[in-house]
Amino acid sequence: YFVTPSGKVTSYDAGRSANDIVDFIK
């Protein structure tokens, strides 16, 4: 899950590579 400072909770469903994770967070 990805949780933002405002409290928004999002299920992570992107790719499972390091680049996918970094891109999703950015």
mmCIF file of all heavy atoms, coordinates in Angstrom:
data_MODEL
# 
_entry.id   MODEL 
# 
loop_
_atom_site.group_PDB 
_atom_site.id 
_atom_site.type_symbol 
_atom_site.label_atom_id 
_atom_site.label_alt_id 
_atom_site.label_comp_id 
_atom_site.label_asym_id 
_atom_site.label_entity_id 
_atom_site.label_seq_id 
_atom_site.pdbx_PDB_ins_code 
_atom_site.Cartn_x 
_atom_site.Cartn_y 
_atom_site.Cartn_z 
_atom_site.occupancy 
_atom_site.B_iso_or_equiv 
_atom_site.pdbx_formal_charge 
_atom_site.auth_seq_id 
_atom_site.auth_comp_id 
_atom_site.auth_asym_id 
_atom_site.auth_atom_id 
_atom_site.pdbx_PDB_model_num 
ATOM 1   N N   . TYR A 1 1  ? 0.842  -1.191 0.000   1.00 0.00 ? 1  TYR A N   1 
ATOM 2   C CA  . TYR A 1 1  ? 0.000  0.000  0.000   1.00 0.00 ? 1  TYR A CA  1 
ATOM 3   C C   . TYR A 1 1  ? 0.883  1.248  0.000   1.00 0.00 ? 1  TYR A C   1 
ATOM 4   O O   . TYR A 1 1  ? 2.000  1.232  0.524   1.00 0.00 ? 1  TYR A O   1 
ATOM 5   C CB  . TYR A 1 1  ? -0.918 0.029  1.227   1.00 0.00 ? 1  TYR A CB  1 
ATOM 6   C CG  . TYR A 1 1  ? -2.174 -0.780 1.070   1.00 0.00 ? 1  TYR A CG  1 
ATOM 7   C CD1 . TYR A 1 1  ? -2.218 -2.110 1.462   1.00 0.00 ? 1  TYR A CD1 1 
ATOM 8   C CD2 . TYR A 1 1  ? -3.324 -0.220 0.522   1.00 0.00 ? 1  TYR A CD2 1 
ATOM 9   C CE1 . TYR A 1 1  ? -3.381 -2.861 1.312   1.00 0.00 ? 1  TYR A CE1 1 
ATOM 10  C CE2 . TYR A 1 1  ? -4.484 -0.960 0.370   1.00 0.00 ? 1  TYR A CE2 1 
ATOM 11  C CZ  . TYR A 1 1  ? -4.509 -2.275 0.770   1.00 0.00 ? 1  TYR A CZ  1 
ATOM 12  O OH  . TYR A 1 1  ? -5.662 -3.012 0.614   1.00 0.00 ? 1  TYR A OH  1 
ATOM 13  N N   . PHE A 1 2  ? 0.331  2.315  -0.571  1.00 0.00 ? 2  PHE A N   1 
ATOM 14  C CA  . PHE A 1 2  ? 1.022  3.607  -0.582  1.00 0.00 ? 2  PHE A CA  1 
ATOM 15  C C   . PHE A 1 2  ? 0.172  4.593  0.206   1.00 0.00 ? 2  PHE A C   1 
ATOM 16  O O   . PHE A 1 2  ? -1.011 4.792  -0.086  1.00 0.00 ? 2  PHE A O   1 
ATOM 17  C CB  . PHE A 1 2  ? 1.207  4.090  -2.029  1.00 0.00 ? 2  PHE A CB  1 
ATOM 18  C CG  . PHE A 1 2  ? 2.062  5.321  -2.148  1.00 0.00 ? 2  PHE A CG  1 
ATOM 19  C CD1 . PHE A 1 2  ? 3.395  5.293  -1.788  1.00 0.00 ? 2  PHE A CD1 1 
ATOM 20  C CD2 . PHE A 1 2  ? 1.525  6.511  -2.628  1.00 0.00 ? 2  PHE A CD2 1 
ATOM 21  C CE1 . PHE A 1 2  ? 4.195  6.430  -1.905  1.00 0.00 ? 2  PHE A CE1 1 
ATOM 22  C CE2 . PHE A 1 2  ? 2.305  7.647  -2.750  1.00 0.00 ? 2  PHE A CE2 1 
ATOM 23  C CZ  . PHE A 1 2  ? 3.650  7.607  -2.388  1.00 0.00 ? 2  PHE A CZ  1 
ATOM 24  N N   . VAL A 1 3  ? 0.778  5.196  1.235   1.00 0.00 ? 3  VAL A N   1 
ATOM 25  C CA  . VAL A 1 3  ? 0.067  6.130  2.115   1.00 0.00 ? 3  VAL A CA  1 
ATOM 26  C C   . VAL A 1 3  ? 0.739  7.496  2.017   1.00 0.00 ? 3  VAL A C   1 
ATOM 27  O O   . VAL A 1 3  ? 1.952  7.617  2.212   1.00 0.00 ? 3  VAL A O   1 
ATOM 28  C CB  . VAL A 1 3  ? 0.087  5.632  3.574   1.00 0.00 ? 3  VAL A CB  1 
ATOM 29  C CG1 . VAL A 1 3  ? -0.708 6.591  4.465   1.00 0.00 ? 3  VAL A CG1 1 
ATOM 30  C CG2 . VAL A 1 3  ? -0.475 4.230  3.677   1.00 0.00 ? 3  VAL A CG2 1 
ATOM 31  N N   . THR A 1 4  ? -0.051 8.518  1.707   1.00 0.00 ? 4  THR A N   1 
ATOM 32  C CA  . THR A 1 4  ? 0.492  9.870  1.561   1.00 0.00 ? 4  THR A CA  1 
ATOM 33  C C   . THR A 1 4  ? 0.344  10.640 2.868   1.00 0.00 ? 4  THR A C   1 
ATOM 34  O O   . THR A 1 4  ? -0.396 10.224 3.768   1.00 0.00 ? 4  THR A O   1 
ATOM 35  C CB  . THR A 1 4  ? -0.256 10.624 0.442   1.00 0.00 ? 4  THR A CB  1 
ATOM 36  O OG1 . THR A 1 4  ? -1.630 10.791 0.844   1.00 0.00 ? 4  THR A OG1 1 
ATOM 37  C CG2 . THR A 1 4  ? -0.198 9.854  -0.865  1.00 0.00 ? 4  THR A CG2 1 
ATOM 38  N N   . PRO A 1 5  ? 1.056  11.772 3.003   1.00 0.00 ? 5  PRO A N   1 
ATOM 39  C CA  . PRO A 1 5  ? 0.955  12.577 4.240   1.00 0.00 ? 5  PRO A CA  1 
ATOM 40  C C   . PRO A 1 5  ? -0.468 13.013 4.563   1.00 0.00 ? 5  PRO A C   1 
ATOM 41  O O   . PRO A 1 5  ? -0.802 13.203 5.735   1.00 0.00 ? 5  PRO A O   1 
ATOM 42  C CB  . PRO A 1 5  ? 1.856  13.778 3.944   1.00 0.00 ? 5  PRO A CB  1 
ATOM 43  C CG  . PRO A 1 5  ? 2.838  13.274 2.938   1.00 0.00 ? 5  PRO A CG  1 
ATOM 44  C CD  . PRO A 1 5  ? 2.080  12.305 2.093   1.00 0.00 ? 5  PRO A CD  1 
ATOM 45  N N   . SER A 1 6  ? -1.313 13.158 3.552   1.00 0.00 ? 6  SER A N   1 
ATOM 46  C CA  . SER A 1 6  ? -2.700 13.572 3.806   1.00 0.00 ? 6  SER A CA  1 
ATOM 47  C C   . SER A 1 6  ? -3.571 12.406 4.273   1.00 0.00 ? 6  SER A C   1 
ATOM 48  O O   . SER A 1 6  ? -4.741 12.578 4.576   1.00 0.00 ? 6  SER A O   1 
ATOM 49  C CB  . SER A 1 6  ? -3.304 14.178 2.542   1.00 0.00 ? 6  SER A CB  1 
ATOM 50  O OG  . SER A 1 6  ? -3.440 13.189 1.524   1.00 0.00 ? 6  SER A OG  1 
ATOM 51  N N   . GLY A 1 7  ? -3.009 11.199 4.293   1.00 0.00 ? 7  GLY A N   1 
ATOM 52  C CA  . GLY A 1 7  ? -3.749 10.031 4.754   1.00 0.00 ? 7  GLY A CA  1 
ATOM 53  C C   . GLY A 1 7  ? -4.411 9.226  3.662   1.00 0.00 ? 7  GLY A C   1 
ATOM 54  O O   . GLY A 1 7  ? -5.145 8.277  3.931   1.00 0.00 ? 7  GLY A O   1 
ATOM 55  N N   . LYS A 1 8  ? -4.151 9.567  2.406   1.00 0.00 ? 8  LYS A N   1 
ATOM 56  C CA  . LYS A 1 8  ? -4.722 8.815  1.276   1.00 0.00 ? 8  LYS A CA  1 
ATOM 57  C C   . LYS A 1 8  ? -4.043 7.449  1.185   1.00 0.00 ? 8  LYS A C   1 
ATOM 58  O O   . LYS A 1 8  ? -2.828 7.342  1.156   1.00 0.00 ? 8  LYS A O   1 
ATOM 59  C CB  . LYS A 1 8  ? -4.520 9.599  -0.014  1.00 0.00 ? 8  LYS A CB  1 
ATOM 60  C CG  . LYS A 1 8  ? -5.005 8.888  -1.267  1.00 0.00 ? 8  LYS A CG  1 
ATOM 61  C CD  . LYS A 1 8  ? -4.854 9.822  -2.443  1.00 0.00 ? 8  LYS A CD  1 
ATOM 62  C CE  . LYS A 1 8  ? -5.031 9.166  -3.781  1.00 0.00 ? 8  LYS A CE  1 
ATOM 63  N NZ  . LYS A 1 8  ? -6.004 8.124  -3.865  1.00 0.00 ? 8  LYS A NZ  1 
ATOM 64  N N   . VAL A 1 9  ? -4.853 6.384  1.158   1.00 0.00 ? 9  VAL A N   1 
ATOM 65  C CA  . VAL A 1 9  ? -4.343 5.007  1.109   1.00 0.00 ? 9  VAL A CA  1 
ATOM 66  C C   . VAL A 1 9  ? -4.669 4.414  -0.250  1.00 0.00 ? 9  VAL A C   1 
ATOM 67  O O   . VAL A 1 9  ? -5.831 4.350  -0.653  1.00 0.00 ? 9  VAL A O   1 
ATOM 68  C CB  . VAL A 1 9  ? -4.978 4.145  2.226   1.00 0.00 ? 9  VAL A CB  1 
ATOM 69  C CG1 . VAL A 1 9  ? -4.454 2.708  2.144   1.00 0.00 ? 9  VAL A CG1 1 
ATOM 70  C CG2 . VAL A 1 9  ? -4.677 4.749  3.594   1.00 0.00 ? 9  VAL A CG2 1 
ATOM 71  N N   . THR A 1 10 ? -3.633 3.967  -0.969  1.00 0.00 ? 10 THR A N   1 
ATOM 72  C CA  . THR A 1 10 ? -3.802 3.404  -2.306  1.00 0.00 ? 10 THR A CA  1 
ATOM 73  C C   . THR A 1 10 ? -3.159 2.019  -2.367  1.00 0.00 ? 10 THR A C   1 
ATOM 74  O O   . THR A 1 10 ? -2.026 1.840  -1.939  1.00 0.00 ? 10 THR A O   1 
ATOM 75  C CB  . THR A 1 10 ? -3.133 4.299  -3.375  1.00 0.00 ? 10 THR A CB  1 
ATOM 76  O OG1 . THR A 1 10 ? -3.678 5.611  -3.290  1.00 0.00 ? 10 THR A OG1 1 
ATOM 77  C CG2 . THR A 1 10 ? -3.361 3.741  -4.768  1.00 0.00 ? 10 THR A CG2 1 
ATOM 78  N N   . SER A 1 11 ? -3.904 1.052  -2.883  1.00 0.00 ? 11 SER A N   1 
ATOM 79  C CA  . SER A 1 11 ? -3.340 -0.277 -3.099  1.00 0.00 ? 11 SER A CA  1 
ATOM 80  C C   . SER A 1 11 ? -2.332 -0.224 -4.244  1.00 0.00 ? 11 SER A C   1 
ATOM 81  O O   . SER A 1 11 ? -2.634 0.295  -5.321  1.00 0.00 ? 11 SER A O   1 
ATOM 82  C CB  . SER A 1 11 ? -4.460 -1.267 -3.431  1.00 0.00 ? 11 SER A CB  1 
ATOM 83  O OG  . SER A 1 11 ? -3.930 -2.521 -3.778  1.00 0.00 ? 11 SER A OG  1 
ATOM 84  N N   . TYR A 1 12 ? -1.141 -0.751 -4.010  1.00 0.00 ? 12 TYR A N   1 
ATOM 85  C CA  . TYR A 1 12 ? -0.104 -0.754 -5.054  1.00 0.00 ? 12 TYR A CA  1 
ATOM 86  C C   . TYR A 1 12 ? -0.348 -1.934 -5.995  1.00 0.00 ? 12 TYR A C   1 
ATOM 87  O O   . TYR A 1 12 ? -0.319 -3.096 -5.583  1.00 0.00 ? 12 TYR A O   1 
ATOM 88  C CB  . TYR A 1 12 ? 1.293  -0.864 -4.428  1.00 0.00 ? 12 TYR A CB  1 
ATOM 89  C CG  . TYR A 1 12 ? 2.399  -0.920 -5.460  1.00 0.00 ? 12 TYR A CG  1 
ATOM 90  C CD1 . TYR A 1 12 ? 2.977  0.244  -5.939  1.00 0.00 ? 12 TYR A CD1 1 
ATOM 91  C CD2 . TYR A 1 12 ? 2.847  -2.140 -5.984  1.00 0.00 ? 12 TYR A CD2 1 
ATOM 92  C CE1 . TYR A 1 12 ? 3.984  0.214  -6.900  1.00 0.00 ? 12 TYR A CE1 1 
ATOM 93  C CE2 . TYR A 1 12 ? 3.842  -2.185 -6.945  1.00 0.00 ? 12 TYR A CE2 1 
ATOM 94  C CZ  . TYR A 1 12 ? 4.410  -1.014 -7.402  1.00 0.00 ? 12 TYR A CZ  1 
ATOM 95  O OH  . TYR A 1 12 ? 5.405  -1.054 -8.362  1.00 0.00 ? 12 TYR A OH  1 
ATOM 96  N N   . ASP A 1 13 ? -0.578 -1.613 -7.275  1.00 0.00 ? 13 ASP A N   1 
ATOM 97  C CA  . ASP A 1 13 ? -0.807 -2.682 -8.242  1.00 0.00 ? 13 ASP A CA  1 
ATOM 98  C C   . ASP A 1 13 ? 0.051  -2.508 -9.488  1.00 0.00 ? 13 ASP A C   1 
ATOM 99  O O   . ASP A 1 13 ? -0.281 -3.033 -10.556 1.00 0.00 ? 13 ASP A O   1 
ATOM 100 C CB  . ASP A 1 13 ? -2.294 -2.756 -8.627  1.00 0.00 ? 13 ASP A CB  1 
ATOM 101 C CG  . ASP A 1 13 ? -2.789 -1.486 -9.320  1.00 0.00 ? 13 ASP A CG  1 
ATOM 102 O OD1 . ASP A 1 13 ? -2.024 -0.509 -9.376  1.00 0.00 ? 13 ASP A OD1 1 
ATOM 103 O OD2 . ASP A 1 13 ? -3.927 -1.485 -9.817  1.00 0.00 ? 13 ASP A OD2 1 
ATOM 104 N N   . ALA A 1 14 ? 1.160  -1.794 -9.365  1.00 0.00 ? 14 ALA A N   1 
ATOM 105 C CA  . ALA A 1 14 ? 2.059  -1.598 -10.512 1.00 0.00 ? 14 ALA A CA  1 
ATOM 106 C C   . ALA A 1 14 ? 3.044  -2.762 -10.591 1.00 0.00 ? 14 ALA A C   1 
ATOM 107 O O   . ALA A 1 14 ? 2.892  -3.779 -9.909  1.00 0.00 ? 14 ALA A O   1 
ATOM 108 C CB  . ALA A 1 14 ? 2.769  -0.258 -10.377 1.00 0.00 ? 14 ALA A CB  1 
ATOM 109 N N   . GLY A 1 15 ? 4.057  -2.607 -11.426 1.00 0.00 ? 15 GLY A N   1 
ATOM 110 C CA  . GLY A 1 15 ? 5.023  -3.671 -11.647 1.00 0.00 ? 15 GLY A CA  1 
ATOM 111 C C   . GLY A 1 15 ? 5.851  -3.978 -10.412 1.00 0.00 ? 15 GLY A C   1 
ATOM 112 O O   . GLY A 1 15 ? 5.882  -3.211 -9.443  1.00 0.00 ? 15 GLY A O   1 
ATOM 113 N N   . ARG A 1 16 ? 6.572  -5.091 -10.469 1.00 0.00 ? 16 ARG A N   1 
ATOM 114 C CA  . ARG A 1 16 ? 7.339  -5.546 -9.314  1.00 0.00 ? 16 ARG A CA  1 
ATOM 115 C C   . ARG A 1 16 ? 8.848  -5.365 -9.502  1.00 0.00 ? 16 ARG A C   1 
ATOM 116 O O   . ARG A 1 16 ? 9.626  -6.037 -8.819  1.00 0.00 ? 16 ARG A O   1 
ATOM 117 C CB  . ARG A 1 16 ? 7.023  -7.024 -9.038  1.00 0.00 ? 16 ARG A CB  1 
ATOM 118 C CG  . ARG A 1 16 ? 5.570  -7.296 -8.639  1.00 0.00 ? 16 ARG A CG  1 
ATOM 119 C CD  . ARG A 1 16 ? 5.252  -6.727 -7.263  1.00 0.00 ? 16 ARG A CD  1 
ATOM 120 N NE  . ARG A 1 16 ? 3.857  -6.987 -6.882  1.00 0.00 ? 16 ARG A NE  1 
ATOM 121 C CZ  . ARG A 1 16 ? 3.453  -8.042 -6.192  1.00 0.00 ? 16 ARG A CZ  1 
ATOM 122 N NH1 . ARG A 1 16 ? 4.309  -8.955 -5.836  1.00 0.00 ? 16 ARG A NH1 1 
ATOM 123 N NH2 . ARG A 1 16 ? 2.179  -8.162 -5.869  1.00 0.00 ? 16 ARG A NH2 1 
ATOM 124 N N   . SER A 1 17 ? 9.277  -4.490 -10.399 1.00 0.00 ? 17 SER A N   1 
ATOM 125 C CA  . SER A 1 17 ? 10.702 -4.187 -10.506 1.00 0.00 ? 17 SER A CA  1 
ATOM 126 C C   . SER A 1 17 ? 11.010 -2.947 -9.681  1.00 0.00 ? 17 SER A C   1 
ATOM 127 O O   . SER A 1 17 ? 10.110 -2.164 -9.340  1.00 0.00 ? 17 SER A O   1 
ATOM 128 C CB  . SER A 1 17 ? 11.101 -3.945 -11.966 1.00 0.00 ? 17 SER A CB  1 
ATOM 129 O OG  . SER A 1 17 ? 10.597 -2.701 -12.426 1.00 0.00 ? 17 SER A OG  1 
ATOM 130 N N   . ALA A 1 18 ? 12.296 -2.739 -9.368  1.00 0.00 ? 18 ALA A N   1 
ATOM 131 C CA  . ALA A 1 18 ? 12.690 -1.557 -8.593  1.00 0.00 ? 18 ALA A CA  1 
ATOM 132 C C   . ALA A 1 18 ? 12.319 -0.284 -9.332  1.00 0.00 ? 18 ALA A C   1 
ATOM 133 O O   . ALA A 1 18 ? 11.836 0.687  -8.725  1.00 0.00 ? 18 ALA A O   1 
ATOM 134 C CB  . ALA A 1 18 ? 14.185 -1.608 -8.291  1.00 0.00 ? 18 ALA A CB  1 
ATOM 135 N N   . ASN A 1 19 ? 12.517 -0.258 -10.646 1.00 0.00 ? 19 ASN A N   1 
ATOM 136 C CA  . ASN A 1 19 ? 12.177 0.935  -11.432 1.00 0.00 ? 19 ASN A CA  1 
ATOM 137 C C   . ASN A 1 19 ? 10.669 1.201  -11.401 1.00 0.00 ? 19 ASN A C   1 
ATOM 138 O O   . ASN A 1 19 ? 10.237 2.358  -11.315 1.00 0.00 ? 19 ASN A O   1 
ATOM 139 C CB  . ASN A 1 19 ? 12.641 0.762  -12.883 1.00 0.00 ? 19 ASN A CB  1 
ATOM 140 C CG  . ASN A 1 19 ? 14.146 0.882  -13.019 1.00 0.00 ? 19 ASN A CG  1 
ATOM 141 O OD1 . ASN A 1 19 ? 14.810 1.481  -12.167 1.00 0.00 ? 19 ASN A OD1 1 
ATOM 142 N ND2 . ASN A 1 19 ? 14.690 0.304  -14.079 1.00 0.00 ? 19 ASN A ND2 1 
ATOM 143 N N   . ASP A 1 20 ? 9.860  0.119  -11.473 1.00 0.00 ? 20 ASP A N   1 
ATOM 144 C CA  . ASP A 1 20 ? 8.401  0.290  -11.403 1.00 0.00 ? 20 ASP A CA  1 
ATOM 145 C C   . ASP A 1 20 ? 7.997  0.933  -10.071 1.00 0.00 ? 20 ASP A C   1 
ATOM 146 O O   . ASP A 1 20 ? 7.149  1.824  -10.029 1.00 0.00 ? 20 ASP A O   1 
ATOM 147 C CB  . ASP A 1 20 ? 7.700  -1.063 -11.546 1.00 0.00 ? 20 ASP A CB  1 
ATOM 148 C CG  . ASP A 1 20 ? 7.814  -1.643 -12.939 1.00 0.00 ? 20 ASP A CG  1 
ATOM 149 O OD1 . ASP A 1 20 ? 7.900  -0.863 -13.898 1.00 0.00 ? 20 ASP A OD1 1 
ATOM 150 O OD2 . ASP A 1 20 ? 7.829  -2.888 -13.051 1.00 0.00 ? 20 ASP A OD2 1 
ATOM 151 N N   . ILE A 1 21 ? 8.597  0.457  -9.005  1.00 0.00 ? 21 ILE A N   1 
ATOM 152 C CA  . ILE A 1 21 ? 8.255  0.962  -7.674  1.00 0.00 ? 21 ILE A CA  1 
ATOM 153 C C   . ILE A 1 21 ? 8.669  2.425  -7.538  1.00 0.00 ? 21 ILE A C   1 
ATOM 154 O O   . ILE A 1 21 ? 7.907  3.268  -7.056  1.00 0.00 ? 21 ILE A O   1 
ATOM 155 C CB  . ILE A 1 21 ? 8.914  0.084  -6.592  1.00 0.00 ? 21 ILE A CB  1 
ATOM 156 C CG1 . ILE A 1 21 ? 8.285  -1.319 -6.603  1.00 0.00 ? 21 ILE A CG1 1 
ATOM 157 C CG2 . ILE A 1 21 ? 8.778  0.722  -5.207  1.00 0.00 ? 21 ILE A CG2 1 
ATOM 158 C CD1 . ILE A 1 21 ? 9.008  -2.338 -5.762  1.00 0.00 ? 21 ILE A CD1 1 
ATOM 159 N N   . VAL A 1 22 ? 9.879  2.735  -7.979  1.00 0.00 ? 22 VAL A N   1 
ATOM 160 C CA  . VAL A 1 22 ? 10.374 4.117  -7.903  1.00 0.00 ? 22 VAL A CA  1 
ATOM 161 C C   . VAL A 1 22 ? 9.486  5.050  -8.735  1.00 0.00 ? 22 VAL A C   1 
ATOM 162 O O   . VAL A 1 22 ? 9.105  6.150  -8.289  1.00 0.00 ? 22 VAL A O   1 
ATOM 163 C CB  . VAL A 1 22 ? 11.844 4.198  -8.360  1.00 0.00 ? 22 VAL A CB  1 
ATOM 164 C CG1 . VAL A 1 22 ? 12.287 5.657  -8.512  1.00 0.00 ? 22 VAL A CG1 1 
ATOM 165 C CG2 . VAL A 1 22 ? 12.742 3.467  -7.371  1.00 0.00 ? 22 VAL A CG2 1 
ATOM 166 N N   . ASP A 1 23 ? 9.151  4.617  -9.952  1.00 0.00 ? 23 ASP A N   1 
ATOM 167 C CA  . ASP A 1 23 ? 8.311  5.449  -10.823 1.00 0.00 ? 23 ASP A CA  1 
ATOM 168 C C   . ASP A 1 23 ? 6.936  5.688  -10.200 1.00 0.00 ? 23 ASP A C   1 
ATOM 169 O O   . ASP A 1 23 ? 6.389  6.785  -10.274 1.00 0.00 ? 23 ASP A O   1 
ATOM 170 C CB  . ASP A 1 23 ? 8.145  4.785  -12.193 1.00 0.00 ? 23 ASP A CB  1 
ATOM 171 C CG  . ASP A 1 23 ? 9.441  4.816  -13.012 1.00 0.00 ? 23 ASP A CG  1 
ATOM 172 O OD1 . ASP A 1 23 ? 10.348 5.594  -12.645 1.00 0.00 ? 23 ASP A OD1 1 
ATOM 173 O OD2 . ASP A 1 23 ? 9.530  4.049  -13.991 1.00 0.00 ? 23 ASP A OD2 1 
ATOM 174 N N   . PHE A 1 24 ? 6.362  4.642  -9.592  1.00 0.00 ? 24 PHE A N   1 
ATOM 175 C CA  . PHE A 1 24 ? 5.051  4.775  -8.961  1.00 0.00 ? 24 PHE A CA  1 
ATOM 176 C C   . PHE A 1 24 ? 5.098  5.806  -7.830  1.00 0.00 ? 24 PHE A C   1 
ATOM 177 O O   . PHE A 1 24 ? 4.214  6.659  -7.710  1.00 0.00 ? 24 PHE A O   1 
ATOM 178 C CB  . PHE A 1 24 ? 4.592  3.415  -8.420  1.00 0.00 ? 24 PHE A CB  1 
ATOM 179 C CG  . PHE A 1 24 ? 3.282  3.458  -7.684  1.00 0.00 ? 24 PHE A CG  1 
ATOM 180 C CD1 . PHE A 1 24 ? 2.093  3.234  -8.355  1.00 0.00 ? 24 PHE A CD1 1 
ATOM 181 C CD2 . PHE A 1 24 ? 3.229  3.718  -6.311  1.00 0.00 ? 24 PHE A CD2 1 
ATOM 182 C CE1 . PHE A 1 24 ? 0.874  3.273  -7.681  1.00 0.00 ? 24 PHE A CE1 1 
ATOM 183 C CE2 . PHE A 1 24 ? 2.021  3.768  -5.634  1.00 0.00 ? 24 PHE A CE2 1 
ATOM 184 C CZ  . PHE A 1 24 ? 0.841  3.543  -6.323  1.00 0.00 ? 24 PHE A CZ  1 
ATOM 185 N N   . ILE A 1 25 ? 6.119  5.702  -7.003  1.00 0.00 ? 25 ILE A N   1 
ATOM 186 C CA  . ILE A 1 25 ? 6.223  6.624  -5.867  1.00 0.00 ? 25 ILE A CA  1 
ATOM 187 C C   . ILE A 1 25 ? 6.407  8.058  -6.350  1.00 0.00 ? 25 ILE A C   1 
ATOM 188 O O   . ILE A 1 25 ? 5.748  8.988  -5.853  1.00 0.00 ? 25 ILE A O   1 
ATOM 189 C CB  . ILE A 1 25 ? 7.388  6.205  -4.947  1.00 0.00 ? 25 ILE A CB  1 
ATOM 190 C CG1 . ILE A 1 25 ? 7.054  4.871  -4.264  1.00 0.00 ? 25 ILE A CG1 1 
ATOM 191 C CG2 . ILE A 1 25 ? 7.678  7.282  -3.908  1.00 0.00 ? 25 ILE A CG2 1 
ATOM 192 C CD1 . ILE A 1 25 ? 8.184  4.272  -3.459  1.00 0.00 ? 25 ILE A CD1 1 
ATOM 193 N N   . LYS A 1 26 ? 7.265  8.267  -7.340  1.00 0.00 ? 26 LYS A N   1 
ATOM 194 C CA  . LYS A 1 26 ? 7.492  9.619  -7.852  1.00 0.00 ? 26 LYS A CA  1 
ATOM 195 C C   . LYS A 1 26 ? 6.221  10.205 -8.461  1.00 0.00 ? 26 LYS A C   1 
ATOM 196 O O   . LYS A 1 26 ? 5.949  11.401 -8.335  1.00 0.00 ? 26 LYS A O   1 
ATOM 197 C CB  . LYS A 1 26 ? 8.614  9.603  -8.892  1.00 0.00 ? 26 LYS A CB  1 
ATOM 198 C CG  . LYS A 1 26 ? 10.008 9.399  -8.290  1.00 0.00 ? 26 LYS A CG  1 
ATOM 199 C CD  . LYS A 1 26 ? 11.075 9.422  -9.365  1.00 0.00 ? 26 LYS A CD  1 
ATOM 200 C CE  . LYS A 1 26 ? 12.461 9.317  -8.765  1.00 0.00 ? 26 LYS A CE  1 
ATOM 201 N NZ  . LYS A 1 26 ? 13.520 9.329  -9.819  1.00 0.00 ? 26 LYS A NZ  1 
# 
